[in-house]
Amino acid sequence: MFTSSLGASVEASFEGGTVEGPLGTVAMSSPGGALALLARRSLRRLDLRGQLGLRGGVITLTGQTASPNVAAAVVSGPWTGTFVGLEAGFTVWRRVRLGLAAEGGYVLLPTVGTSAGQPLAGVEGPWLGTSAHAGVSF
């Protein structure tokens, strides 16, 4: 038997990484989150979800130069964008759930750091992500 429902979701996240550039390394950290409308369709243990929402945060880019003749800099700023997400999940035992998800979106308010006058790291343009997850419902 199918069941359907509508709702909302709130998410907190943290992303980080590094990228090598012509003059050194840039470290990125971005705490953020998302707000979304959620539609769900379930058939016994299978659960399909669709999301439409806003994702954003504050990104900090920290430059680390390889040369003492080059000044390093820190760039920090907000970013936000819209996204659409799809998820398929399966209840394996009572409240334990496994799932696969895909999300695509576009950054509306970007923050980008440059190196040697060229964009090197930041949050801008389209994004696409996938994830596998396990969860417990309370």
N, C-alpha and C. Protein backbone atom coordinates (compact mmCIF):
# COMPACT_ATOMS: atom_id res chain seq x y z
N MET A 1 0.83 -1.17 0.00
CA MET A 1 0.00 0.00 0.00
C MET A 1 0.89 1.25 0.00
N PHE A 2 0.55 2.21 -0.85
CA PHE A 2 1.28 3.47 -0.94
C PHE A 2 0.80 4.45 0.12
N THR A 3 1.74 5.22 0.67
CA THR A 3 1.39 6.37 1.51
C THR A 3 2.19 7.56 1.00
N SER A 4 1.61 8.73 1.10
CA SER A 4 2.27 9.96 0.65
C SER A 4 2.17 11.01 1.73
N SER A 5 3.16 11.91 1.77
CA SER A 5 3.10 13.01 2.72
C SER A 5 3.94 14.18 2.22
N LEU A 6 3.62 15.36 2.74
CA LEU A 6 4.37 16.58 2.46
C LEU A 6 4.94 17.09 3.76
N GLY A 7 6.06 17.78 3.70
CA GLY A 7 6.66 18.30 4.92
C GLY A 7 7.77 19.28 4.61
N ALA A 8 8.61 19.50 5.59
CA ALA A 8 9.75 20.39 5.45
C ALA A 8 10.95 19.75 6.14
N SER A 9 12.14 20.17 5.71
CA SER A 9 13.35 19.65 6.35
C SER A 9 14.31 20.79 6.63
N VAL A 10 15.09 20.62 7.68
CA VAL A 10 16.14 21.56 8.08
C VAL A 10 17.42 20.74 8.22
N GLU A 11 18.51 21.25 7.68
CA GLU A 11 19.77 20.51 7.70
C GLU A 11 20.92 21.42 8.09
N ALA A 12 21.84 20.90 8.88
CA ALA A 12 23.08 21.61 9.20
C ALA A 12 24.22 20.82 8.56
N SER A 13 25.24 21.54 8.06
CA SER A 13 26.33 20.85 7.38
C SER A 13 27.66 21.58 7.59
N PHE A 14 28.74 20.88 7.29
CA PHE A 14 30.08 21.47 7.27
C PHE A 14 30.86 20.82 6.14
N GLU A 15 31.46 21.64 5.30
CA GLU A 15 32.26 21.13 4.20
C GLU A 15 33.64 21.76 4.26
N GLY A 16 34.65 21.03 3.84
CA GLY A 16 36.02 21.54 3.85
C GLY A 16 36.86 20.86 2.80
N GLY A 17 38.01 21.45 2.51
CA GLY A 17 38.91 20.86 1.53
C GLY A 17 40.06 21.78 1.22
N THR A 18 40.93 21.34 0.33
CA THR A 18 42.06 22.15 -0.12
C THR A 18 42.19 22.04 -1.62
N VAL A 19 42.81 23.06 -2.22
CA VAL A 19 43.10 23.05 -3.65
C VAL A 19 44.48 23.67 -3.86
N GLU A 20 45.25 23.09 -4.78
CA GLU A 20 46.57 23.60 -5.12
C GLU A 20 46.44 24.62 -6.23
N GLY A 21 47.13 25.74 -6.08
CA GLY A 21 47.14 26.78 -7.10
C GLY A 21 48.55 27.09 -7.55
N PRO A 22 48.72 28.03 -8.47
CA PRO A 22 50.05 28.34 -8.99
C PRO A 22 50.97 28.97 -7.94
N LEU A 23 50.40 29.57 -6.89
CA LEU A 23 51.24 30.25 -5.89
C LEU A 23 51.19 29.61 -4.51
N GLY A 24 50.47 28.49 -4.38
CA GLY A 24 50.36 27.83 -3.08
C GLY A 24 49.07 27.04 -2.95
N THR A 25 48.63 26.88 -1.71
CA THR A 25 47.46 26.09 -1.39
C THR A 25 46.37 26.98 -0.80
N VAL A 26 45.12 26.64 -1.10
CA VAL A 26 43.98 27.33 -0.50
C VAL A 26 43.16 26.30 0.27
N ALA A 27 42.95 26.55 1.57
CA ALA A 27 42.10 25.70 2.40
C ALA A 27 40.72 26.33 2.48
N MET A 28 39.68 25.52 2.38
CA MET A 28 38.30 25.98 2.39
C MET A 28 37.54 25.35 3.54
N SER A 29 36.75 26.15 4.26
CA SER A 29 35.82 25.62 5.25
C SER A 29 34.50 26.37 5.10
N SER A 30 33.40 25.64 5.23
CA SER A 30 32.09 26.26 5.02
C SER A 30 31.02 25.60 5.89
N PRO A 31 30.74 26.18 7.06
CA PRO A 31 29.55 25.73 7.80
C PRO A 31 28.32 26.27 7.10
N GLY A 32 27.24 25.51 7.10
CA GLY A 32 26.04 25.96 6.42
C GLY A 32 24.84 25.12 6.77
N GLY A 33 23.85 25.20 5.90
CA GLY A 33 22.64 24.44 6.13
C GLY A 33 21.68 24.57 4.98
N ALA A 34 20.50 23.98 5.14
CA ALA A 34 19.49 23.99 4.09
C ALA A 34 18.09 24.00 4.71
N LEU A 35 17.18 24.63 3.99
CA LEU A 35 15.75 24.59 4.29
C LEU A 35 15.06 24.09 3.03
N ALA A 36 14.14 23.13 3.16
CA ALA A 36 13.52 22.56 1.97
C ALA A 36 12.09 22.11 2.22
N LEU A 37 11.31 22.13 1.16
CA LEU A 37 10.00 21.48 1.15
C LEU A 37 10.24 20.05 0.73
N LEU A 38 9.49 19.13 1.30
CA LEU A 38 9.74 17.71 1.12
C LEU A 38 8.46 16.99 0.74
N ALA A 39 8.53 16.16 -0.29
CA ALA A 39 7.42 15.27 -0.66
C ALA A 39 7.91 13.84 -0.54
N ARG A 40 7.09 12.98 0.07
CA ARG A 40 7.50 11.60 0.31
C ARG A 40 6.45 10.63 -0.19
N ARG A 41 6.92 9.53 -0.76
CA ARG A 41 6.02 8.46 -1.21
C ARG A 41 6.62 7.15 -0.71
N SER A 42 5.82 6.36 0.01
CA SER A 42 6.34 5.12 0.60
C SER A 42 5.54 3.91 0.13
N LEU A 43 6.22 2.81 -0.02
CA LEU A 43 5.61 1.52 -0.31
C LEU A 43 6.31 0.51 0.58
N ARG A 44 5.63 0.10 1.64
CA ARG A 44 6.19 -0.79 2.65
C ARG A 44 7.54 -0.28 3.15
N ARG A 45 8.64 -0.94 2.81
CA ARG A 45 9.96 -0.53 3.32
C ARG A 45 10.68 0.47 2.41
N LEU A 46 10.20 0.68 1.19
CA LEU A 46 10.82 1.60 0.25
C LEU A 46 10.25 2.99 0.42
N ASP A 47 11.14 3.98 0.45
CA ASP A 47 10.75 5.37 0.69
C ASP A 47 11.40 6.25 -0.38
N LEU A 48 10.60 7.00 -1.14
CA LEU A 48 11.11 7.92 -2.15
C LEU A 48 10.81 9.34 -1.69
N ARG A 49 11.82 10.22 -1.79
CA ARG A 49 11.64 11.60 -1.34
C ARG A 49 12.16 12.56 -2.41
N GLY A 50 11.47 13.69 -2.52
CA GLY A 50 11.92 14.78 -3.38
C GLY A 50 11.98 16.05 -2.55
N GLN A 51 13.00 16.88 -2.81
CA GLN A 51 13.18 18.12 -2.06
C GLN A 51 13.37 19.29 -3.01
N LEU A 52 12.89 20.44 -2.59
CA LEU A 52 13.10 21.69 -3.30
C LEU A 52 13.41 22.73 -2.24
N GLY A 53 14.58 23.40 -2.34
CA GLY A 53 14.91 24.31 -1.25
C GLY A 53 16.04 25.26 -1.51
N LEU A 54 16.53 25.84 -0.40
CA LEU A 54 17.65 26.77 -0.39
C LEU A 54 18.76 26.20 0.47
N ARG A 55 20.00 26.31 -0.03
CA ARG A 55 21.17 25.87 0.72
C ARG A 55 22.13 27.05 0.79
N GLY A 56 22.82 27.21 1.90
CA GLY A 56 23.76 28.32 2.01
C GLY A 56 24.66 28.18 3.21
N GLY A 57 25.54 29.17 3.37
CA GLY A 57 26.46 29.16 4.48
C GLY A 57 27.44 30.31 4.38
N VAL A 58 28.51 30.18 5.13
CA VAL A 58 29.61 31.16 5.10
C VAL A 58 30.87 30.38 4.75
N ILE A 59 31.55 30.80 3.69
CA ILE A 59 32.77 30.12 3.26
C ILE A 59 33.98 30.96 3.66
N THR A 60 35.02 30.29 4.14
CA THR A 60 36.29 30.96 4.45
C THR A 60 37.38 30.27 3.64
N LEU A 61 38.10 31.07 2.83
CA LEU A 61 39.20 30.59 2.02
C LEU A 61 40.50 31.15 2.60
N THR A 62 41.42 30.28 2.97
CA THR A 62 42.67 30.69 3.59
C THR A 62 43.84 30.28 2.70
N GLY A 63 44.55 31.28 2.18
CA GLY A 63 45.68 31.03 1.31
C GLY A 63 46.94 30.73 2.10
N GLN A 64 47.74 29.79 1.59
CA GLN A 64 49.04 29.43 2.18
C GLN A 64 50.05 29.42 1.04
N THR A 65 50.96 30.39 1.03
CA THR A 65 51.88 30.52 -0.11
C THR A 65 53.08 29.60 0.02
N ALA A 66 53.63 29.26 -1.14
CA ALA A 66 54.84 28.44 -1.20
C ALA A 66 56.09 29.33 -1.22
N SER A 67 55.91 30.62 -1.43
CA SER A 67 57.04 31.55 -1.55
C SER A 67 56.93 32.66 -0.51
N PRO A 68 58.04 33.03 0.13
CA PRO A 68 57.99 34.13 1.09
C PRO A 68 57.78 35.49 0.41
N ASN A 69 57.90 35.55 -0.91
CA ASN A 69 57.72 36.80 -1.66
C ASN A 69 56.27 37.06 -2.05
N VAL A 70 55.38 36.13 -1.73
CA VAL A 70 53.97 36.26 -2.09
C VAL A 70 53.14 36.35 -0.81
N ALA A 71 52.29 37.37 -0.74
CA ALA A 71 51.43 37.55 0.44
C ALA A 71 50.21 36.63 0.35
N ALA A 72 49.91 35.94 1.45
CA ALA A 72 48.72 35.10 1.53
C ALA A 72 47.56 35.94 2.03
N ALA A 73 46.34 35.50 1.72
CA ALA A 73 45.16 36.26 2.13
C ALA A 73 44.08 35.31 2.61
N VAL A 74 43.11 35.88 3.31
CA VAL A 74 41.92 35.16 3.76
C VAL A 74 40.72 35.88 3.17
N VAL A 75 39.83 35.11 2.52
CA VAL A 75 38.59 35.64 1.96
C VAL A 75 37.44 34.91 2.65
N SER A 76 36.47 35.66 3.12
CA SER A 76 35.32 35.06 3.79
C SER A 76 34.05 35.76 3.31
N GLY A 77 32.99 35.00 3.10
CA GLY A 77 31.74 35.61 2.68
C GLY A 77 30.59 34.62 2.65
N PRO A 78 29.37 35.13 2.57
CA PRO A 78 28.20 34.25 2.51
C PRO A 78 28.01 33.69 1.11
N TRP A 79 27.31 32.58 1.03
CA TRP A 79 26.87 32.04 -0.25
C TRP A 79 25.50 31.42 -0.06
N THR A 80 24.70 31.39 -1.12
CA THR A 80 23.40 30.74 -1.08
C THR A 80 22.99 30.30 -2.48
N GLY A 81 22.17 29.28 -2.54
CA GLY A 81 21.69 28.79 -3.83
C GLY A 81 20.45 27.94 -3.68
N THR A 82 19.79 27.67 -4.79
CA THR A 82 18.60 26.83 -4.81
C THR A 82 19.01 25.40 -5.18
N PHE A 83 18.21 24.41 -4.77
CA PHE A 83 18.53 23.03 -5.12
C PHE A 83 17.27 22.17 -5.25
N VAL A 84 17.45 21.05 -5.96
CA VAL A 84 16.45 20.00 -6.10
C VAL A 84 17.15 18.70 -5.70
N GLY A 85 16.50 17.90 -4.88
CA GLY A 85 17.11 16.65 -4.44
C GLY A 85 16.15 15.48 -4.57
N LEU A 86 16.70 14.30 -4.83
CA LEU A 86 15.95 13.05 -4.89
C LEU A 86 16.64 12.03 -4.01
N GLU A 87 15.85 11.22 -3.31
CA GLU A 87 16.42 10.22 -2.41
C GLU A 87 15.56 8.96 -2.44
N ALA A 88 16.23 7.81 -2.43
CA ALA A 88 15.56 6.52 -2.30
C ALA A 88 16.13 5.85 -1.05
N GLY A 89 15.24 5.42 -0.16
CA GLY A 89 15.69 4.80 1.08
C GLY A 89 14.95 3.50 1.33
N PHE A 90 15.55 2.67 2.17
CA PHE A 90 15.00 1.37 2.47
C PHE A 90 15.14 1.11 3.96
N THR A 91 14.04 0.78 4.62
CA THR A 91 14.07 0.44 6.04
C THR A 91 14.55 -1.00 6.18
N VAL A 92 15.69 -1.18 6.86
CA VAL A 92 16.26 -2.52 6.98
C VAL A 92 15.82 -3.22 8.27
N TRP A 93 15.51 -2.43 9.30
CA TRP A 93 15.04 -3.01 10.55
C TRP A 93 14.41 -1.92 11.39
N ARG A 94 13.16 -2.03 11.70
CA ARG A 94 12.37 -1.08 12.48
C ARG A 94 12.66 0.36 12.11
N ARG A 95 13.52 1.05 12.84
CA ARG A 95 13.81 2.47 12.58
C ARG A 95 15.16 2.72 11.92
N VAL A 96 15.82 1.66 11.45
CA VAL A 96 17.12 1.78 10.79
C VAL A 96 16.90 1.86 9.28
N ARG A 97 17.51 2.86 8.65
CA ARG A 97 17.26 3.15 7.25
C ARG A 97 18.56 3.36 6.49
N LEU A 98 18.65 2.83 5.28
CA LEU A 98 19.77 3.05 4.36
C LEU A 98 19.24 3.79 3.14
N GLY A 99 20.06 4.66 2.56
CA GLY A 99 19.56 5.40 1.41
C GLY A 99 20.65 5.91 0.48
N LEU A 100 20.22 6.28 -0.73
CA LEU A 100 21.05 6.91 -1.73
C LEU A 100 20.37 8.21 -2.13
N ALA A 101 21.15 9.28 -2.33
CA ALA A 101 20.55 10.57 -2.67
C ALA A 101 21.39 11.28 -3.73
N ALA A 102 20.72 12.14 -4.50
CA ALA A 102 21.38 13.00 -5.48
C ALA A 102 20.78 14.39 -5.34
N GLU A 103 21.63 15.40 -5.53
CA GLU A 103 21.18 16.79 -5.39
C GLU A 103 21.86 17.65 -6.44
N GLY A 104 21.12 18.55 -7.04
CA GLY A 104 21.68 19.50 -7.99
C GLY A 104 21.16 20.88 -7.68
N GLY A 105 21.99 21.89 -7.90
CA GLY A 105 21.57 23.25 -7.60
C GLY A 105 22.41 24.28 -8.31
N TYR A 106 22.10 25.55 -8.02
CA TYR A 106 22.82 26.65 -8.62
C TYR A 106 23.05 27.74 -7.58
N VAL A 107 24.30 28.21 -7.44
CA VAL A 107 24.65 29.24 -6.47
C VAL A 107 24.18 30.60 -7.00
N LEU A 108 23.34 31.28 -6.22
CA LEU A 108 22.82 32.60 -6.59
C LEU A 108 23.69 33.73 -6.04
N LEU A 109 24.29 33.52 -4.86
CA LEU A 109 25.16 34.50 -4.22
C LEU A 109 26.52 33.82 -4.00
N PRO A 110 27.49 34.00 -4.93
CA PRO A 110 28.78 33.30 -4.83
C PRO A 110 29.81 34.04 -3.99
N THR A 111 30.82 33.31 -3.54
CA THR A 111 32.04 33.86 -2.93
C THR A 111 33.21 33.08 -3.52
N VAL A 112 34.18 33.80 -4.12
CA VAL A 112 35.29 33.16 -4.83
C VAL A 112 36.61 33.84 -4.43
N GLY A 113 37.65 33.05 -4.24
CA GLY A 113 38.99 33.56 -4.00
C GLY A 113 39.83 33.41 -5.26
N THR A 114 40.78 34.32 -5.46
CA THR A 114 41.62 34.29 -6.66
C THR A 114 43.08 34.08 -6.29
N SER A 115 43.85 33.61 -7.27
CA SER A 115 45.29 33.46 -7.15
C SER A 115 45.89 33.88 -8.48
N ALA A 116 46.85 34.78 -8.44
CA ALA A 116 47.48 35.33 -9.65
C ALA A 116 46.43 35.91 -10.59
N GLY A 117 45.39 36.51 -10.02
CA GLY A 117 44.35 37.16 -10.81
C GLY A 117 43.31 36.23 -11.40
N GLN A 118 43.40 34.92 -11.14
CA GLN A 118 42.47 33.94 -11.68
C GLN A 118 41.65 33.31 -10.56
N PRO A 119 40.34 33.05 -10.79
CA PRO A 119 39.54 32.35 -9.78
C PRO A 119 40.17 30.99 -9.46
N LEU A 120 40.29 30.69 -8.16
CA LEU A 120 40.94 29.43 -7.77
C LEU A 120 40.02 28.54 -6.94
N ALA A 121 39.34 29.13 -5.96
CA ALA A 121 38.50 28.32 -5.08
C ALA A 121 37.31 29.15 -4.62
N GLY A 122 36.22 28.48 -4.31
CA GLY A 122 35.04 29.18 -3.82
C GLY A 122 33.78 28.40 -4.10
N VAL A 123 32.67 29.09 -3.99
CA VAL A 123 31.37 28.50 -4.26
C VAL A 123 30.71 29.39 -5.30
N GLU A 124 30.48 28.83 -6.51
CA GLU A 124 29.82 29.57 -7.58
C GLU A 124 29.27 28.60 -8.61
N GLY A 125 28.28 29.04 -9.38
CA GLY A 125 27.74 28.26 -10.49
C GLY A 125 26.94 27.04 -10.06
N PRO A 126 26.82 26.05 -10.95
CA PRO A 126 26.03 24.85 -10.65
C PRO A 126 26.78 23.87 -9.77
N TRP A 127 26.03 23.04 -9.04
CA TRP A 127 26.66 21.94 -8.31
C TRP A 127 25.82 20.69 -8.45
N LEU A 128 26.46 19.55 -8.30
CA LEU A 128 25.81 18.24 -8.34
C LEU A 128 26.49 17.39 -7.29
N GLY A 129 25.71 16.73 -6.46
CA GLY A 129 26.29 15.88 -5.43
C GLY A 129 25.51 14.59 -5.25
N THR A 130 26.17 13.57 -4.76
CA THR A 130 25.54 12.30 -4.44
C THR A 130 25.98 11.88 -3.04
N SER A 131 25.16 11.06 -2.40
CA SER A 131 25.54 10.56 -1.08
C SER A 131 24.87 9.22 -0.81
N ALA A 132 25.51 8.46 0.05
CA ALA A 132 24.93 7.23 0.60
C ALA A 132 24.88 7.45 2.10
N HIS A 133 23.82 7.03 2.75
CA HIS A 133 23.69 7.31 4.17
C HIS A 133 22.94 6.20 4.90
N ALA A 134 23.16 6.20 6.21
CA ALA A 134 22.44 5.31 7.12
C ALA A 134 21.88 6.18 8.23
N GLY A 135 20.70 5.85 8.72
CA GLY A 135 20.10 6.68 9.77
C GLY A 135 19.21 5.86 10.69
N VAL A 136 18.95 6.45 11.83
CA VAL A 136 18.06 5.89 12.83
C VAL A 136 17.00 6.93 13.14
N SER A 137 15.73 6.53 13.08
CA SER A 137 14.63 7.44 13.41
C SER A 137 14.28 7.34 14.89
N PHE A 138 13.97 8.47 15.48
CA PHE A 138 13.57 8.50 16.90
C PHE A 138 12.15 8.94 17.03
